PDB file of N, CA and C in Angstrom:
ATOM      1  N   UNK A   1      31.497 251.372 209.873  1.00  0.00           N
ATOM      2  CA  UNK A   1      31.885 250.075 209.640  1.00  0.00           C
ATOM      3  C   UNK A   1      33.137 249.988 208.698  1.00  0.00           C
ATOM      4  N   UNK A   2      34.063 249.340 208.993  1.00  0.00           N
ATOM      5  CA  UNK A   2      35.325 249.333 208.595  1.00  0.00           C
ATOM      6  C   UNK A   2      35.434 248.717 206.942  1.00  0.00           C
ATOM      7  N   UNK A   3      36.212 249.075 206.226  1.00  0.00           N
ATOM      8  CA  UNK A   3      36.371 248.630 204.695  1.00  0.00           C
ATOM      9  C   UNK A   3      36.899 247.338 204.695  1.00  0.00           C
ATOM     10  N   UNK A   4      36.689 246.274 203.849  1.00  0.00           N
ATOM     11  CA  UNK A   4      37.118 245.084 203.679  1.00  0.00           C
ATOM     12  C   UNK A   4      38.439 245.472 202.847  1.00  0.00           C
ATOM     13  N   UNK A   5      39.519 244.595 203.207  1.00  0.00           N
ATOM     14  CA  UNK A   5      41.066 244.676 202.684  1.00  0.00           C
ATOM     15  C   UNK A   5      41.208 243.356 201.805  1.00  0.00           C
ATOM     16  N   UNK A   6      41.646 243.625 200.665  1.00  0.00           N
ATOM     17  CA  UNK A   6      42.088 242.264 199.718  1.00  0.00           C
ATOM     18  C   UNK A   6      43.440 242.371 199.709  1.00  0.00           C
ATOM     19  N   UNK A   7      44.230 241.281 200.053  1.00  0.00           N
ATOM     20  CA  UNK A   7      45.665 241.324 199.981  1.00  0.00           C
ATOM     21  C   UNK A   7      45.985 240.211 198.956  1.00  0.00           C
ATOM     22  N   UNK A   8      46.709 240.799 197.718  1.00  0.00           N
ATOM     23  CA  UNK A   8      47.285 239.964 196.556  1.00  0.00           C
ATOM     24  C   UNK A   8      48.495 239.346 197.206  1.00  0.00           C
ATOM     25  N   UNK A   9      48.739 238.163 197.046  1.00  0.00           N
ATOM     26  CA  UNK A   9      49.926 237.467 197.357  1.00  0.00           C
ATOM     27  C   UNK A   9      50.505 236.939 196.089  1.00  0.00           C
ATOM     28  N   UNK A  10      51.820 237.255 195.651  1.00  0.00           N
ATOM     29  CA  UNK A  10      52.207 236.611 194.581  1.00  0.00           C
ATOM     30  C   UNK A  10      53.487 235.798 195.113  1.00  0.00           C
ATOM     31  N   UNK A  11      53.727 234.631 194.623  1.00  0.00           N
ATOM     32  CA  UNK A  11      54.787 233.838 195.238  1.00  0.00           C
ATOM     33  C   UNK A  11      55.707 233.190 194.181  1.00  0.00           C
ATOM     34  N   UNK A  12      56.891 233.095 194.588  1.00  0.00           N
ATOM     35  CA  UNK A  12      58.025 232.370 193.791  1.00  0.00           C
ATOM     36  C   UNK A  12      58.654 231.504 194.507  1.00  0.00           C
ATOM     37  N   UNK A  13      58.321 230.044 194.392  1.00  0.00           N
ATOM     38  CA  UNK A  13      58.944 229.115 195.394  1.00  0.00           C
ATOM     39  C   UNK A  13      60.390 228.780 195.071  1.00  0.00           C
ATOM     40  N   UNK A  14      61.104 228.258 196.100  1.00  0.00           N
ATOM     41  CA  UNK A  14      62.590 227.923 196.014  1.00  0.00           C
ATOM     42  C   UNK A  14      62.077 226.730 195.219  1.00  0.00           C
ATOM     43  N   UNK A  15      63.504 226.485 194.701  1.00  0.00           N
ATOM     44  CA  UNK A  15      63.436 225.087 193.728  1.00  0.00           C
ATOM     45  C   UNK A  15      63.289 223.803 194.275  1.00  0.00           C
ATOM     46  N   UNK A  16      63.965 223.413 195.417  1.00  0.00           N
ATOM     47  CA  UNK A  16      63.955 222.294 196.051  1.00  0.00           C
ATOM     48  C   UNK A  16      62.957 222.349 197.257  1.00  0.00           C
ATOM     49  N   UNK A  17      61.718 221.755 196.749  1.00  0.00           N
ATOM     50  CA  UNK A  17      60.794 221.629 197.753  1.00  0.00           C
ATOM     51  C   UNK A  17      59.899 222.854 198.176  1.00  0.00           C
ATOM     52  N   UNK A  18      60.145 224.145 197.659  1.00  0.00           N
ATOM     53  CA  UNK A  18      59.387 225.208 198.167  1.00  0.00           C
ATOM     54  C   UNK A  18      57.924 225.335 197.971  1.00  0.00           C
ATOM     55  N   UNK A  19      57.426 224.644 196.747  1.00  0.00           N
ATOM     56  CA  UNK A  19      56.067 224.637 196.871  1.00  0.00           C
ATOM     57  C   UNK A  19      55.404 223.705 197.982  1.00  0.00           C
ATOM     58  N   UNK A  20      56.277 222.451 198.213  1.00  0.00           N
ATOM     59  CA  UNK A  20      55.769 221.598 199.291  1.00  0.00           C
ATOM     60  C   UNK A  20      55.776 222.107 200.535  1.00  0.00           C
ATOM     61  N   UNK A  21      56.673 223.102 200.969  1.00  0.00           N
ATOM     62  CA  UNK A  21      57.067 223.736 202.091  1.00  0.00           C
ATOM     63  C   UNK A  21      56.044 224.735 202.283  1.00  0.00           C
ATOM     64  N   UNK A  22      55.603 225.598 201.364  1.00  0.00           N
ATOM     65  CA  UNK A  22      54.606 226.510 201.238  1.00  0.00           C
ATOM     66  C   UNK A  22      53.021 225.754 201.550  1.00  0.00           C
ATOM     67  N   UNK A  23      52.865 224.674 201.019  1.00  0.00           N
ATOM     68  CA  UNK A  23      51.659 223.950 201.364  1.00  0.00           C
ATOM     69  C   UNK A  23      51.734 223.587 202.807  1.00  0.00           C
ATOM     70  N   UNK A  24      52.836 223.275 203.380  1.00  0.00           N
ATOM     71  CA  UNK A  24      52.871 223.070 204.958  1.00  0.00           C
ATOM     72  C   UNK A  24      52.600 224.269 205.756  1.00  0.00           C
ATOM     73  N   UNK A  25      53.182 225.460 205.144  1.00  0.00           N
ATOM     74  CA  UNK A  25      52.869 226.789 205.819  1.00  0.00           C
ATOM     75  C   UNK A  25      51.310 227.009 205.641  1.00  0.00           C
ATOM     76  N   UNK A  26      50.900 227.052 204.414  1.00  0.00           N
ATOM     77  CA  UNK A  26      49.271 227.316 204.323  1.00  0.00           C
ATOM     78  C   UNK A  26      48.522 226.580 205.121  1.00  0.00           C
ATOM     79  N   UNK A  27      48.733 225.268 205.460  1.00  0.00           N
ATOM     80  CA  UNK A  27      47.901 224.147 206.311  1.00  0.00           C
ATOM     81  C   UNK A  27      48.166 224.806 207.498  1.00  0.00           C
ATOM     82  N   UNK A  28      49.180 225.108 208.081  1.00  0.00           N
ATOM     83  CA  UNK A  28      49.597 225.514 209.629  1.00  0.00           C
ATOM     84  C   UNK A  28      49.027 227.016 209.618  1.00  0.00           C
ATOM     85  N   UNK A  29      48.967 227.907 208.726  1.00  0.00           N
ATOM     86  CA  UNK A  29      48.561 229.212 208.905  1.00  0.00           C
ATOM     87  C   UNK A  29      46.979 229.472 208.687  1.00  0.00           C
ATOM     88  N   UNK A  30      46.271 228.235 208.219  1.00  0.00           N
ATOM     89  CA  UNK A  30      44.795 228.614 207.728  1.00  0.00           C
ATOM     90  C   UNK A  30      44.130 228.714 209.249  1.00  0.00           C
ATOM     91  N   UNK A  31      44.259 228.065 210.286  1.00  0.00           N
ATOM     92  CA  UNK A  31      43.542 228.239 211.497  1.00  0.00           C
ATOM     93  C   UNK A  31      43.590 229.647 212.054  1.00  0.00           C
ATOM     94  N   UNK A  32      44.806 230.303 212.022  1.00  0.00           N
ATOM     95  CA  UNK A  32      44.916 231.636 212.441  1.00  0.00           C
ATOM     96  C   UNK A  32      44.480 232.693 211.592  1.00  0.00           C
ATOM     97  N   UNK A  33      44.412 232.520 210.313  1.00  0.00           N
ATOM     98  CA  UNK A  33      43.592 233.351 209.256  1.00  0.00           C
ATOM     99  C   UNK A  33      42.115 233.290 209.318  1.00  0.00           C
ATOM    100  N   UNK A  34      41.560 231.913 209.470  1.00  0.00           N
ATOM    101  CA  UNK A  34      40.250 231.653 209.782  1.00  0.00           C
ATOM    102  C   UNK A  34      39.815 232.330 210.938  1.00  0.00           C
ATOM    103  N   UNK A  35      40.591 232.232 212.028  1.00  0.00           N
ATOM    104  CA  UNK A  35      40.133 232.820 213.205  1.00  0.00           C
ATOM    105  C   UNK A  35      39.908 234.281 213.304  1.00  0.00           C
ATOM    106  N   UNK A  36      40.730 235.016 212.498  1.00  0.00           N
ATOM    107  CA  UNK A  36      40.343 236.413 212.189  1.00  0.00           C
ATOM    108  C   UNK A  36      39.354 236.819 211.285  1.00  0.00           C
ATOM    109  N   UNK A  37      38.832 235.754 210.667  1.00  0.00           N
ATOM    110  CA  UNK A  37      37.594 236.192 209.789  1.00  0.00           C
ATOM    111  C   UNK A  37      37.884 236.499 208.179  1.00  0.00           C
ATOM    112  N   UNK A  38      39.232 236.062 208.115  1.00  0.00           N
ATOM    113  CA  UNK A  38      39.769 236.243 206.517  1.00  0.00           C
ATOM    114  C   UNK A  38      39.379 234.920 205.870  1.00  0.00           C
ATOM    115  N   UNK A  39      39.339 235.056 204.414  1.00  0.00           N
ATOM    116  CA  UNK A  39      39.028 233.882 203.526  1.00  0.00           C
ATOM    117  C   UNK A  39      39.820 234.157 202.242  1.00  0.00           C
ATOM    118  N   UNK A  40      40.197 233.023 201.721  1.00  0.00           N
ATOM    119  CA  UNK A  40      40.798 232.847 200.355  1.00  0.00           C
ATOM    120  C   UNK A  40      39.806 233.025 199.475  1.00  0.00           C
ATOM    121  N   UNK A  41      39.834 234.076 198.633  1.00  0.00           N
ATOM    122  CA  UNK A  41      39.023 234.530 197.399  1.00  0.00           C
ATOM    123  C   UNK A  41      39.020 233.681 196.321  1.00  0.00           C
ATOM    124  N   UNK A  42      40.260 233.444 195.784  1.00  0.00           N
ATOM    125  CA  UNK A  42      40.683 232.740 194.544  1.00  0.00           C
ATOM    126  C   UNK A  42      42.105 232.639 194.465  1.00  0.00           C
ATOM    127  N   UNK A  43      42.708 231.565 193.893  1.00  0.00           N
ATOM    128  CA  UNK A  43      44.122 231.411 193.549  1.00  0.00           C
ATOM    129  C   UNK A  43      44.360 230.985 192.120  1.00  0.00           C
ATOM    130  N   UNK A  44      45.493 231.372 191.531  1.00  0.00           N
ATOM    131  CA  UNK A  44      45.703 231.070 190.215  1.00  0.00           C
ATOM    132  C   UNK A  44      47.152 230.524 189.949  1.00  0.00           C
ATOM    133  N   UNK A  45      47.349 229.851 188.958  1.00  0.00           N
ATOM    134  CA  UNK A  45      48.701 229.639 188.575  1.00  0.00           C
ATOM    135  C   UNK A  45      48.935 230.309 187.238  1.00  0.00           C
ATOM    136  N   UNK A  46      49.731 231.189 187.224  1.00  0.00           N
ATOM    137  CA  UNK A  46      49.795 231.939 185.791  1.00  0.00           C
ATOM    138  C   UNK A  46      50.172 230.901 184.669  1.00  0.00           C
ATOM    139  N   UNK A  47      49.796 231.184 183.635  1.00  0.00           N
ATOM    140  CA  UNK A  47      50.277 230.336 182.383  1.00  0.00           C
ATOM    141  C   UNK A  47      51.242 231.176 181.434  1.00  0.00           C
ATOM    142  N   UNK A  48      50.925 232.425 181.280  1.00  0.00           N
ATOM    143  CA  UNK A  48      51.854 233.146 180.313  1.00  0.00           C
ATOM    144  C   UNK A  48      51.308 234.722 180.484  1.00  0.00           C
ATOM    145  N   UNK A  49      52.455 235.468 180.641  1.00  0.00           N
ATOM    146  CA  UNK A  49      52.177 237.201 180.741  1.00  0.00           C
ATOM    147  C   UNK A  49      52.166 237.320 179.120  1.00  0.00           C
ATOM    148  N   UNK A  50      50.969 238.110 178.543  1.00  0.00           N
ATOM    149  CA  UNK A  50      51.047 238.515 177.321  1.00  0.00           C
ATOM    150  C   UNK A  50      51.183 239.923 177.234  1.00  0.00           C
ATOM    151  N   UNK A  51      51.357 240.761 178.124  1.00  0.00           N
ATOM    152  CA  UNK A  51      51.934 242.055 178.266  1.00  0.00           C
ATOM    153  C   UNK A  51      52.514 242.210 179.434  1.00  0.00           C
ATOM    154  N   UNK A  52      53.710 242.656 179.438  1.00  0.00           N
ATOM    155  CA  UNK A  52      54.570 242.862 180.809  1.00  0.00           C
ATOM    156  C   UNK A  52      55.122 241.748 181.217  1.00  0.00           C
ATOM    157  N   UNK A  53      55.826 241.813 182.417  1.00  0.00           N
ATOM    158  CA  UNK A  53      56.552 240.719 182.945  1.00  0.00           C
ATOM    159  C   UNK A  53      55.608 240.327 184.100  1.00  0.00           C
ATOM    160  N   UNK A  54      55.199 239.025 184.102  1.00  0.00           N
ATOM    161  CA  UNK A  54      54.514 238.479 185.405  1.00  0.00           C
ATOM    162  C   UNK A  54      54.800 236.909 185.534  1.00  0.00           C
ATOM    163  N   UNK A  55      55.627 236.412 186.321  1.00  0.00           N
ATOM    164  CA  UNK A  55      55.906 235.011 186.269  1.00  0.00           C
ATOM    165  C   UNK A  55      55.875 234.184 187.658  1.00  0.00           C
ATOM    166  N   UNK A  56      54.993 234.766 188.569  1.00  0.00           N
ATOM    167  CA  UNK A  56      55.026 234.142 189.785  1.00  0.00           C
ATOM    168  C   UNK A  56      54.696 232.535 189.738  1.00  0.00           C
ATOM    169  N   UNK A  57      54.942 231.805 190.532  1.00  0.00           N
ATOM    170  CA  UNK A  57      54.533 230.356 190.462  1.00  0.00           C
ATOM    171  C   UNK A  57      53.004 230.238 191.000  1.00  0.00           C
ATOM    172  N   UNK A  58      52.604 231.060 191.839  1.00  0.00           N
ATOM    173  CA  UNK A  58      51.070 231.226 192.200  1.00  0.00           C
ATOM    174  C   UNK A  58      50.816 232.542 192.694  1.00  0.00           C
ATOM    175  N   UNK A  59      49.712 232.841 192.573  1.00  0.00           N
ATOM    176  CA  UNK A  59      49.235 233.886 193.258  1.00  0.00           C
ATOM    177  C   UNK A  59      47.628 233.903 193.627  1.00  0.00           C
ATOM    178  N   UNK A  60      47.242 234.463 194.658  1.00  0.00           N
ATOM    179  CA  UNK A  60      45.929 234.448 195.237  1.00  0.00           C
ATOM    180  C   UNK A  60      45.521 235.695 195.966  1.00  0.00           C
ATOM    181  N   UNK A  61      44.315 235.932 196.038  1.00  0.00           N
ATOM    182  CA  UNK A  61      43.757 236.953 196.889  1.00  0.00           C
ATOM    183  C   UNK A  61      43.033 236.502 198.152  1.00  0.00           C
ATOM    184  N   UNK A  62      43.425 237.289 199.283  1.00  0.00           N
ATOM    185  CA  UNK A  62      42.528 236.841 200.646  1.00  0.00           C
ATOM    186  C   UNK A  62      41.744 238.247 200.876  1.00  0.00           C
ATOM    187  N   UNK A  63      40.628 237.938 201.296  1.00  0.00           N
ATOM    188  CA  UNK A  63      39.757 239.118 201.944  1.00  0.00           C
ATOM    189  C   UNK A  63      39.774 239.196 203.512  1.00  0.00           C
ATOM    190  N   UNK A  64      39.981 240.187 203.994  1.00  0.00           N
ATOM    191  CA  UNK A  64      40.130 240.373 205.142  1.00  0.00           C
ATOM    192  C   UNK A  64      39.101 241.362 205.827  1.00  0.00           C
ATOM    193  N   UNK A  65      38.532 241.127 207.102  1.00  0.00           N
ATOM    194  CA  UNK A  65      37.530 242.267 207.371  1.00  0.00           C
ATOM    195  C   UNK A  65      37.757 243.633 207.351  1.00  0.00           C
ATOM    196  N   UNK A  66      39.158 243.878 207.684  1.00  0.00           N
ATOM    197  CA  UNK A  66      39.519 245.135 207.627  1.00  0.00           C
ATOM    198  C   UNK A  66      41.065 245.251 207.887  1.00  0.00           C
ATOM    199  N   UNK A  67      41.595 246.280 207.811  1.00  0.00           N
ATOM    200  CA  UNK A  67      43.161 246.468 207.677  1.00  0.00           C
ATOM    201  C   UNK A  67      43.548 246.148 209.237  1.00  0.00           C
ATOM    202  N   UNK A  68      42.917 246.535 210.348  1.00  0.00           N
ATOM    203  CA  UNK A  68      43.209 246.172 211.630  1.00  0.00           C
ATOM    204  C   UNK A  68      43.405 244.700 211.981  1.00  0.00           C
ATOM    205  N   UNK A  69      42.308 244.119 211.448  1.00  0.00           N
ATOM    206  CA  UNK A  69      42.397 242.473 211.616  1.00  0.00           C
ATOM    207  C   UNK A  69      43.548 242.104 211.048  1.00  0.00           C
ATOM    208  N   UNK A  70      43.814 242.372 209.873  1.00  0.00           N
ATOM    209  CA  UNK A  70      45.079 241.905 209.018  1.00  0.00           C
ATOM    210  C   UNK A  70      46.259 242.150 209.758  1.00  0.00           C
ATOM    211  N   UNK A  71      46.389 243.287 210.492  1.00  0.00           N
ATOM    212  CA  UNK A  71      47.683 243.494 211.238  1.00  0.00           C
ATOM    213  C   UNK A  71      47.693 242.467 212.503  1.00  0.00           C
ATOM    214  N   UNK A  72      46.597 241.996 212.867  1.00  0.00           N
ATOM    215  CA  UNK A  72      46.777 241.086 214.177  1.00  0.00           C
ATOM    216  C   UNK A  72      47.331 239.783 213.954  1.00  0.00           C
ATOM    217  N   UNK A  73      47.327 239.494 212.607  1.00  0.00           N
ATOM    218  CA  UNK A  73      47.866 237.970 212.239  1.00  0.00           C
ATOM    219  C   UNK A  73      49.456 237.902 212.723  1.00  0.00           C
ATOM    220  N   UNK A  74      50.365 238.912 212.167  1.00  0.00           N
ATOM    221  CA  UNK A  74      51.734 238.677 212.622  1.00  0.00           C
ATOM    222  C   UNK A  74      52.060 238.968 214.140  1.00  0.00           C
ATOM    223  N   UNK A  75      51.009 239.378 214.880  1.00  0.00           N
ATOM    224  CA  UNK A  75      51.365 239.490 216.257  1.00  0.00           C
ATOM    225  C   UNK A  75      50.898 238.194 217.054  1.00  0.00           C
ATOM    226  N   UNK A  76      50.204 237.386 216.461  1.00  0.00           N
ATOM    227  CA  UNK A  76      49.749 236.193 217.119  1.00  0.00           C
ATOM    228  C   UNK A  76      50.955 235.334 217.393  1.00  0.00           C
ATOM    229  N   UNK A  77      51.064 234.887 218.654  1.00  0.00           N
ATOM    230  CA  UNK A  77      52.145 234.109 218.987  1.00  0.00           C
ATOM    231  C   UNK A  77      52.437 232.669 218.388  1.00  0.00           C
ATOM    232  N   UNK A  78      51.081 232.152 218.138  1.00  0.00           N
ATOM    233  CA  UNK A  78      50.906 230.762 217.310  1.00  0.00           C
ATOM    234  C   UNK A  78      51.242 231.019 215.917  1.00  0.00           C
ATOM    235  N   UNK A  79      51.081 232.006 215.233  1.00  0.00           N
ATOM    236  CA  UNK A  79      51.342 232.221 213.990  1.00  0.00           C
ATOM    237  C   UNK A  79      52.932 232.542 213.861  1.00  0.00           C
ATOM    238  N   UNK A  80      53.437 233.193 214.869  1.00  0.00           N
ATOM    239  CA  UNK A  80      54.865 233.456 214.805  1.00  0.00           C
ATOM    240  C   UNK A  80      55.680 232.266 214.858  1.00  0.00           C
ATOM    241  N   UNK A  81      55.187 231.141 215.488  1.00  0.00           N
ATOM    242  CA  UNK A  81      56.059 229.867 215.532  1.00  0.00           C
ATOM    243  C   UNK A  81      55.880 229.176 214.162  1.00  0.00           C
ATOM    244  N   UNK A  82      55.066 229.687 213.369  1.00  0.00           N
ATOM    245  CA  UNK A  82      54.947 228.784 212.083  1.00  0.00           C
ATOM    246  C   UNK A  82      55.350 229.743 210.811  1.00  0.00           C
ATOM    247  N   UNK A  83      55.545 231.130 211.117  1.00  0.00           N
ATOM    248  CA  UNK A  83      55.879 231.873 210.049  1.00  0.00           C
ATOM    249  C   UNK A  83      57.172 231.458 209.177  1.00  0.00           C
ATOM    250  N   UNK A  84      58.232 230.947 210.022  1.00  0.00           N
ATOM    251  CA  UNK A  84      59.442 230.769 209.305  1.00  0.00           C
ATOM    252  C   UNK A  84      59.049 229.743 208.188  1.00  0.00           C
ATOM    253  N   UNK A  85      58.108 228.938 208.045  1.00  0.00           N
ATOM    254  CA  UNK A  85      57.949 227.988 207.088  1.00  0.00           C
ATOM    255  C   UNK A  85      57.716 228.778 205.840  1.00  0.00           C
ATOM    256  N   UNK A  86      57.045 229.941 205.850  1.00  0.00           N
ATOM    257  CA  UNK A  86      56.673 230.696 204.746  1.00  0.00           C
ATOM    258  C   UNK A  86      58.087 231.194 203.990  1.00  0.00           C
ATOM    259  N   UNK A  87      59.132 231.652 205.028  1.00  0.00           N
ATOM    260  CA  UNK A  87      60.306 232.221 204.636  1.00  0.00           C
ATOM    261  C   UNK A  87      61.254 230.896 203.813  1.00  0.00           C
ATOM    262  N   UNK A  88      61.247 229.883 204.556  1.00  0.00           N
ATOM    263  CA  UNK A  88      61.770 228.702 204.004  1.00  0.00           C
ATOM    264  C   UNK A  88      61.253 228.188 202.660  1.00  0.00           C
ATOM    265  N   UNK A  89      60.157 228.589 202.284  1.00  0.00           N
ATOM    266  CA  UNK A  89      59.597 228.135 201.050  1.00  0.00           C
ATOM    267  C   UNK A  89      59.732 229.043 199.723  1.00  0.00           C
ATOM    268  N   UNK A  90      59.917 230.295 200.259  1.00  0.00           N
ATOM    269  CA  UNK A  90      59.848 231.345 199.101  1.00  0.00           C
ATOM    270  C   UNK A  90      61.095 231.990 198.791  1.00  0.00           C
ATOM    271  N   UNK A  91      61.498 232.120 197.362  1.00  0.00           N
ATOM    272  CA  UNK A  91      62.775 232.896 197.068  1.00  0.00           C
ATOM    273  C   UNK A  91      62.187 234.243 196.826  1.00  0.00           C
ATOM    274  N   UNK A  92      60.977 234.569 196.589  1.00  0.00           N
ATOM    275  CA  UNK A  92      60.421 235.790 196.578  1.00  0.00           C
ATOM    276  C   UNK A  92      58.984 235.940 196.519  1.00  0.00           C
ATOM    277  N   UNK A  93      58.598 237.049 196.877  1.00  0.00           N
ATOM    278  CA  UNK A  93      57.011 237.213 197.196  1.00  0.00           C
ATOM    279  C   UNK A  93      56.590 238.899 196.994  1.00  0.00           C
ATOM    280  N   UNK A  94      55.354 238.824 196.806  1.00  0.00           N
ATOM    281  CA  UNK A  94      54.711 240.343 196.849  1.00  0.00           C
ATOM    282  C   UNK A  94      53.375 240.165 197.540  1.00  0.00           C
ATOM    283  N   UNK A  95      53.351 241.142 198.294  1.00  0.00           N
ATOM    284  CA  UNK A  95      52.077 241.294 199.272  1.00  0.00           C
ATOM    285  C   UNK A  95      51.417 242.751 199.083  1.00  0.00           C
ATOM    286  N   UNK A  96      50.567 242.875 198.409  1.00  0.00           N
ATOM    287  CA  UNK A  96      49.921 244.068 197.854  1.00  0.00           C
ATOM    288  C   UNK A  96      48.421 244.319 198.480  1.00  0.00           C
ATOM    289  N   UNK A  97      48.508 245.439 199.258  1.00  0.00           N
ATOM    290  CA  UNK A  97      46.986 245.674 199.719  1.00  0.00           C
ATOM    291  C   UNK A  97      46.182 246.285 198.758  1.00  0.00           C
ATOM    292  N   UNK A  98      44.839 245.869 198.580  1.00  0.00           N
ATOM    293  CA  UNK A  98      43.987 246.297 197.470  1.00  0.00           C
ATOM    294  C   UNK A  98      42.670 246.523 197.882  1.00  0.00           C
ATOM    295  N   UNK A  99      41.952 247.467 197.141  1.00  0.00           N
ATOM    296  CA  UNK A  99      40.544 247.883 197.520  1.00  0.00           C
ATOM    297  C   UNK A  99      39.845 247.276 196.378  1.00  0.00           C
ATOM    298  N   UNK A 100      38.591 246.681 196.644  1.00  0.00           N
ATOM    299  CA  UNK A 100      37.755 246.213 195.555  1.00  0.00           C
ATOM    300  C   UNK A 100      37.153 247.359 194.678  1.00  0.00           C
ATOM    301  N   UNK A 101      37.351 247.153 193.357  1.00  0.00           N
ATOM    302  CA  UNK A 101      36.749 248.225 192.443  1.00  0.00           C
ATOM    303  C   UNK A 101      35.800 247.524 191.350  1.00  0.00           C
ATOM    304  N   UNK A 102      34.719 248.311 190.918  1.00  0.00           N
ATOM    305  CA  UNK A 102      34.141 247.736 189.971  1.00  0.00           C
ATOM    306  C   UNK A 102      34.696 248.580 188.542  1.00  0.00           C
ATOM    307  N   UNK A 103      35.011 247.679 187.686  1.00  0.00           N
ATOM    308  CA  UNK A 103      35.458 248.420 186.271  1.00  0.00           C
ATOM    309  C   UNK A 103      34.530 248.295 185.294  1.00  0.00           C
ATOM    310  N   UNK A 104      33.656 247.735 185.348  1.00  0.00           N
ATOM    311  CA  UNK A 104      32.588 247.901 184.376  1.00  0.00           C
ATOM    312  C   UNK A 104      32.715 246.703 183.181  1.00  0.00           C
ATOM    313  N   UNK A 105      33.499 245.864 183.415  1.00  0.00           N
ATOM    314  CA  UNK A 105      33.832 244.600 182.726  1.00  0.00           C
ATOM    315  C   UNK A 105      32.569 243.653 182.671  1.00  0.00           C
ATOM    316  N   UNK A 106      32.325 242.927 181.725  1.00  0.00           N
ATOM    317  CA  UNK A 106      31.047 242.027 181.837  1.00  0.00           C
ATOM    318  C   UNK A 106      31.429 240.813 182.537  1.00  0.00           C
ATOM    319  N   UNK A 107      30.446 240.257 183.440  1.00  0.00           N
ATOM    320  CA  UNK A 107      30.807 239.064 184.213  1.00  0.00           C
ATOM    321  C   UNK A 107      30.632 239.170 185.555  1.00  0.00           C
TER     322      UNK A 107
END
């Protein structure tokens, strides 16, 4: 069985309407993501970086069934038609592939 993949998305919106444009993209992309069996784990708006520099407007984690499934998203012709909305919304972004680890913290 393949290992689940977690994609950390950190987003910096363009000033004039970027957040609204990204919301449009997210709504349009959701059916393609759901069709592949992925799910939004959690999303956050950072308040303050206490150590180091971290100032995205929004970040979230998406769980994918496996790496091969994630790679199918950008190949989907329907997704390709709406992908420009993401580019139009963002001035910068990070997409980081992650593996879930237990760190021994309470909770």
